[in-house]
Protein backbone atom coordinates (compact mmCIF):
# COMPACT_ATOMS: atom_id res chain seq x y z
CA MET A 1 22.77 -112.23 0.67
CA HIS A 2 21.42 -111.57 -2.84
CA ARG A 3 20.61 -107.99 -1.84
CA ILE A 4 24.17 -107.39 -0.67
CA GLN A 5 25.78 -108.86 -3.78
CA LYS A 6 23.45 -106.86 -6.03
CA ALA A 7 24.43 -103.62 -4.28
CA VAL A 8 28.15 -104.38 -4.50
CA ASN A 9 27.94 -105.30 -8.18
CA LYS A 10 26.00 -102.12 -8.92
CA ALA A 11 28.55 -99.91 -7.21
CA LYS A 12 31.57 -101.68 -8.72
CA GLY A 13 30.03 -101.44 -12.18
CA GLU A 14 30.08 -97.67 -12.02
CA HIS A 15 33.86 -97.44 -11.98
CA VAL A 16 36.74 -99.64 -13.12
CA PRO A 17 40.00 -98.27 -11.71
CA GLU A 18 43.22 -98.43 -13.66
CA PRO A 19 45.76 -100.99 -12.42
CA PRO A 20 48.62 -99.53 -10.37
CA ALA A 21 51.85 -98.54 -12.08
CA GLN A 22 54.34 -101.38 -12.15
CA SER A 23 57.48 -99.26 -11.67
CA PRO A 24 57.50 -97.64 -8.19
CA GLU A 25 58.70 -94.11 -7.66
CA GLU A 26 61.92 -93.47 -5.83
CA ILE A 27 61.21 -93.00 -2.13
CA ASN A 28 62.18 -89.61 -0.76
CA ALA A 29 65.44 -89.48 1.18
CA ASN A 30 63.50 -88.48 4.27
CA SER A 31 61.32 -91.58 4.13
CA LEU A 32 61.12 -94.01 7.01
CA GLU A 33 64.01 -96.39 7.47
CA ALA A 34 63.85 -99.82 5.90
CA LEU A 35 62.25 -102.52 8.00
CA ARG A 36 64.90 -104.43 9.96
CA TYR A 37 63.49 -107.76 10.90
CA SER A 38 66.62 -108.64 12.88
CA ARG A 39 65.59 -105.94 15.36
CA THR A 40 61.92 -106.83 15.51
CA LYS A 41 60.62 -107.48 19.01
CA VAL A 42 59.25 -110.98 19.54
CA LEU A 43 56.23 -111.04 21.87
CA PRO A 44 54.66 -114.50 21.49
CA ALA A 45 50.87 -114.48 21.60
CA HIS A 46 49.48 -117.09 23.99
CA PRO A 47 47.25 -119.65 22.22
CA ASP A 48 44.51 -119.14 24.82
CA VAL A 49 44.48 -115.40 24.16
CA LEU A 50 44.26 -115.98 20.42
CA ALA A 51 41.43 -118.47 20.88
CA ASP A 52 39.52 -116.15 23.22
CA ASN A 53 39.82 -113.36 20.64
CA ARG A 54 38.82 -115.70 17.78
CA VAL A 55 42.20 -115.37 16.08
CA ILE A 56 42.18 -118.99 15.00
CA ALA A 57 43.74 -119.19 11.52
CA SER A 58 46.89 -120.87 12.88
CA PHE A 59 44.94 -123.66 14.62
CA ALA A 60 45.05 -126.64 12.26
CA ASP A 61 42.19 -128.41 14.03
CA ASN A 62 39.81 -125.43 13.96
CA VAL A 63 37.07 -125.66 11.32
CA ASN A 64 36.83 -121.89 10.93
CA GLY A 65 40.59 -121.75 10.44
CA GLN A 66 40.12 -123.61 7.17
CA ILE A 67 37.72 -120.89 6.02
CA PHE A 68 40.53 -118.35 6.28
CA ARG A 69 42.99 -120.61 4.50
CA THR A 70 40.50 -120.86 1.63
CA LEU A 71 40.10 -117.07 1.66
CA ARG A 72 43.90 -116.78 1.60
CA THR A 73 44.08 -118.78 -1.61
CA GLN A 74 41.50 -116.57 -3.30
CA VAL A 75 43.13 -113.34 -2.17
CA ILE A 76 46.70 -114.34 -3.06
CA GLN A 77 45.65 -115.50 -6.50
CA LYS A 78 44.02 -112.16 -7.30
CA MET A 79 46.93 -110.16 -5.90
CA ARG A 80 49.59 -112.10 -7.77
CA GLU A 81 47.70 -111.85 -11.06
CA ASN A 82 47.80 -108.05 -10.78
CA ASN A 83 51.17 -107.57 -9.07
CA TRP A 84 49.42 -106.14 -6.01
CA ARG A 85 51.23 -106.27 -2.69
CA SER A 86 48.99 -104.27 -0.38
CA LEU A 87 45.44 -104.93 0.76
CA ALA A 88 43.04 -102.80 2.80
CA ILE A 89 40.37 -104.50 4.87
CA THR A 90 37.49 -102.22 5.73
CA SER A 91 33.72 -102.04 6.16
CA PRO A 92 30.94 -99.47 5.69
CA THR A 93 30.34 -98.96 9.42
CA GLU A 94 31.79 -100.15 12.72
CA GLY A 95 31.16 -103.61 14.12
CA GLU A 96 31.22 -105.82 11.01
CA GLY A 97 34.33 -107.69 12.21
CA LYS A 98 36.97 -106.30 9.86
CA SER A 99 39.80 -106.42 12.43
CA LEU A 100 39.03 -110.07 13.11
CA ILE A 101 39.13 -110.81 9.38
CA ALA A 102 42.39 -108.85 8.98
CA ALA A 103 44.17 -110.71 11.79
CA ASN A 104 43.08 -114.16 10.64
CA LEU A 105 43.78 -113.52 6.97
CA ALA A 106 47.26 -112.18 7.79
CA ILE A 107 48.07 -115.32 9.76
CA ALA A 108 46.70 -117.60 7.05
CA ILE A 109 48.86 -115.91 4.39
CA ALA A 110 51.93 -116.06 6.64
CA LEU A 111 51.50 -119.83 6.92
CA GLU A 112 52.76 -120.05 3.33
CA VAL A 113 56.50 -120.67 3.53
CA ASN A 114 57.32 -118.31 0.65
CA GLN A 115 55.15 -115.41 1.82
CA THR A 116 55.72 -112.82 4.54
CA VAL A 117 53.06 -110.49 5.90
CA LEU A 118 53.13 -107.04 7.45
CA LEU A 119 49.88 -106.42 9.35
CA VAL A 120 49.30 -102.71 9.98
CA ASP A 121 46.74 -101.23 12.35
CA MET A 122 45.56 -98.19 10.40
CA ASN A 123 42.64 -97.42 12.67
CA LEU A 124 44.31 -94.44 14.28
CA ARG A 125 41.19 -93.45 16.22
CA ASN A 126 40.53 -96.87 17.73
CA PRO A 127 43.36 -99.39 17.22
CA THR A 128 42.54 -102.95 18.36
CA LEU A 129 44.96 -105.37 16.67
CA ALA A 130 47.54 -105.43 19.47
CA LYS A 131 44.84 -106.38 21.96
CA ARG A 132 43.69 -109.26 19.75
CA PHE A 133 47.20 -110.71 19.94
CA GLY A 134 47.49 -110.00 23.67
CA ILE A 135 50.22 -107.44 23.06
CA LYS A 136 50.68 -104.28 25.11
CA ALA A 137 52.24 -101.87 22.65
CA GLU A 138 54.53 -99.27 24.20
CA HIS A 139 54.59 -97.39 20.90
CA GLY A 140 52.45 -97.50 17.78
CA LEU A 141 52.25 -96.31 14.19
CA ILE A 142 51.20 -92.83 15.22
CA ASP A 143 54.39 -92.40 17.29
CA CYS A 144 56.48 -93.38 14.28
CA ILE A 145 54.71 -91.01 11.90
CA GLN A 146 55.07 -88.17 14.42
CA GLY A 147 58.82 -88.85 14.61
CA LYS A 148 58.88 -89.98 18.24
CA VAL A 149 60.35 -93.42 17.44
CA GLU A 150 61.79 -95.22 14.43
CA LEU A 151 59.76 -97.74 12.48
CA GLN A 152 61.89 -100.72 13.51
CA ASP A 153 61.20 -99.84 17.16
CA ILE A 154 57.47 -100.50 16.87
CA LEU A 155 57.55 -103.73 14.84
CA VAL A 156 56.35 -106.82 16.72
CA ASN A 157 56.47 -110.48 15.80
CA PRO A 158 53.64 -112.23 17.73
CA GLY A 159 55.48 -115.55 17.77
CA LEU A 160 54.14 -116.62 14.37
CA ASP A 161 56.60 -117.21 11.55
CA ARG A 162 56.70 -114.68 8.71
CA LEU A 163 54.22 -112.29 10.39
CA VAL A 164 55.11 -108.82 11.67
CA LEU A 165 52.63 -106.44 13.27
CA VAL A 166 52.66 -102.65 13.19
CA PRO A 167 50.41 -101.95 16.18
CA GLY A 168 48.40 -98.91 17.01
CA ARG A 169 48.47 -97.21 20.37
CA GLY A 170 46.06 -94.89 22.09
CA SER A 171 43.55 -92.86 20.16
CA ILE A 172 43.64 -89.54 18.35
CA GLY A 173 40.67 -87.43 17.37
CA SER A 174 42.02 -85.56 14.34
CA THR A 175 43.79 -87.69 11.75
CA ALA A 176 43.61 -85.67 8.51
CA GLU A 177 47.05 -84.04 8.80
CA ILE A 178 48.70 -87.30 9.85
CA ILE A 179 47.22 -89.41 7.05
CA SER A 180 48.22 -86.88 4.38
CA SER A 181 51.69 -86.20 5.82
CA PRO A 182 54.85 -87.00 3.78
CA LYS A 183 55.94 -89.53 6.41
CA MET A 184 52.70 -91.47 6.12
CA VAL A 185 52.90 -91.46 2.32
CA SER A 186 56.50 -92.69 2.56
CA PHE A 187 55.40 -95.42 4.97
CA PHE A 188 52.82 -96.69 2.48
CA LYS A 189 55.43 -96.77 -0.30
CA GLU A 190 58.19 -98.42 1.67
CA ALA A 191 55.91 -100.99 3.28
CA ARG A 192 54.76 -102.08 -0.17
CA GLU A 193 58.04 -101.95 -2.06
CA ARG A 194 60.73 -103.06 0.39
CA TYR A 195 60.30 -106.83 0.01
CA GLN A 196 59.01 -108.62 -3.08
CA SER A 197 57.73 -111.57 -1.03
CA ARG A 198 55.70 -109.46 1.38
CA ILE A 199 52.00 -108.70 1.41
CA VAL A 200 50.94 -105.71 3.48
CA ILE A 201 47.51 -105.94 5.09
CA TYR A 202 45.97 -102.77 6.48
CA ASP A 203 43.26 -103.03 9.11
CA MET A 204 41.42 -99.85 8.19
CA PRO A 205 38.74 -97.90 10.06
CA ALA A 206 35.15 -98.02 8.85
CA ILE A 207 34.51 -96.05 5.65
CA LEU A 208 31.41 -93.96 6.33
CA PRO A 209 31.90 -92.38 9.80
CA THR A 210 35.03 -90.37 8.80
CA ASP A 211 37.13 -89.51 5.76
CA ASP A 212 40.16 -91.52 6.97
CA VAL A 213 39.73 -94.33 4.43
CA LEU A 214 38.95 -91.93 1.58
CA SER A 215 42.12 -89.96 2.39
CA SER A 216 44.45 -92.97 2.42
CA ILE A 217 42.99 -95.65 0.14
CA GLY A 218 44.77 -94.33 -2.96
CA ASN A 219 48.05 -95.54 -1.43
CA ILE A 220 46.86 -99.17 -1.25
CA ASP A 221 46.65 -101.56 -4.21
CA SER A 222 43.43 -103.39 -3.38
CA ALA A 223 40.64 -103.69 -0.84
CA LEU A 224 38.41 -106.31 0.73
CA LEU A 225 35.02 -105.09 1.96
CA VAL A 226 33.56 -106.71 5.08
CA LEU A 227 29.77 -106.60 5.40
CA GLU A 228 27.35 -107.90 8.01
CA ASP A 229 24.28 -109.76 6.83
CA GLY A 230 21.14 -107.89 7.83
CA LYS A 231 22.98 -104.79 9.02
CA ASN A 232 24.31 -102.89 6.01
CA SER A 233 21.72 -101.17 3.84
CA GLU A 234 22.07 -101.08 0.07
CA LYS A 235 22.57 -97.32 0.33
CA ASP A 236 25.48 -97.73 2.75
CA ILE A 237 27.10 -100.43 0.61
CA LEU A 238 26.88 -98.22 -2.48
CA ARG A 239 28.37 -95.25 -0.62
CA ALA A 240 31.18 -97.40 0.77
CA VAL A 241 32.19 -98.93 -2.56
CA ARG A 242 32.15 -95.51 -4.24
CA GLN A 243 34.65 -94.25 -1.67
CA LEU A 244 36.98 -97.12 -2.62
CA GLN A 245 37.24 -96.02 -6.26
CA LYS A 246 40.93 -95.10 -5.93
CA THR A 247 41.75 -98.77 -5.38
CA THR A 248 40.32 -102.10 -6.60
CA VAL A 249 37.76 -103.97 -4.52
CA ILE A 250 38.77 -107.60 -5.03
CA GLY A 251 35.88 -109.10 -3.08
CA THR A 252 33.43 -108.90 -0.23
CA ILE A 253 33.10 -110.95 2.93
CA VAL A 254 29.70 -111.36 4.53
CA ASN A 255 30.39 -111.84 8.22
CA LYS A 256 27.86 -113.39 10.63
CA TYR A 257 25.91 -114.79 7.66
CA HIS A 258 23.28 -117.24 8.93
CA LYS A 259 24.42 -120.07 6.64
CA GLY A 260 28.09 -119.75 7.48
CA SER A 261 30.54 -117.67 9.46
CA TRP A 262 32.29 -116.08 6.49
CA VAL A 263 31.36 -115.93 2.83
CA ILE A 264 33.33 -114.26 0.01
């Protein structure tokens, strides 16, 4: 644990990013349509499916659920202090549990009556969020960006108040052109700026295997780095944090830590 924190502190100390501009730019006329929650599909997630997939933040009697509610308080406090409304959740490599953290944190934040959450599956190569909620997505973010469907047609409410999911669907091998496209940039802007009470959480791919995170992270206000105790080397942690320099890393979560399930 000390080794991980030392590596993160070293990498973060090399660069202090400027805070994001407070006045947003006008969104291009060709940007995606505004989110219309009245047209959002409601596909209630079954409690057994959520439990089997360890999506437990909404279960009041679950001990680990309280861990995410504590994490929620820490994250919201940092975001409100800096007027941040979007958060990327990522990890150096695959398998650290970032999608699990993203789903549970999104639910925990949505439990606050004055806070809405848009949870976006940004792992275009291997989307998994819909499966965690037991949802079979007919369309996903990639279909919207490619102009096949409108944004409001892919939004899903999993039966949890104040939470809307933008699922992924299928898998694509080449993502560079999609991530840098005007429609994707407009999506990032509109998702962040449309509603003052909304926090947008992006379940990102891993940082080191591809350049997907590096290409898109500048569109997101802040980031949370998920690590696995005993797995990530100091070299990998340093490389990962350096690739997040276009945003602000607000904290790290050590998943599967031997003294506790999650530590921030």
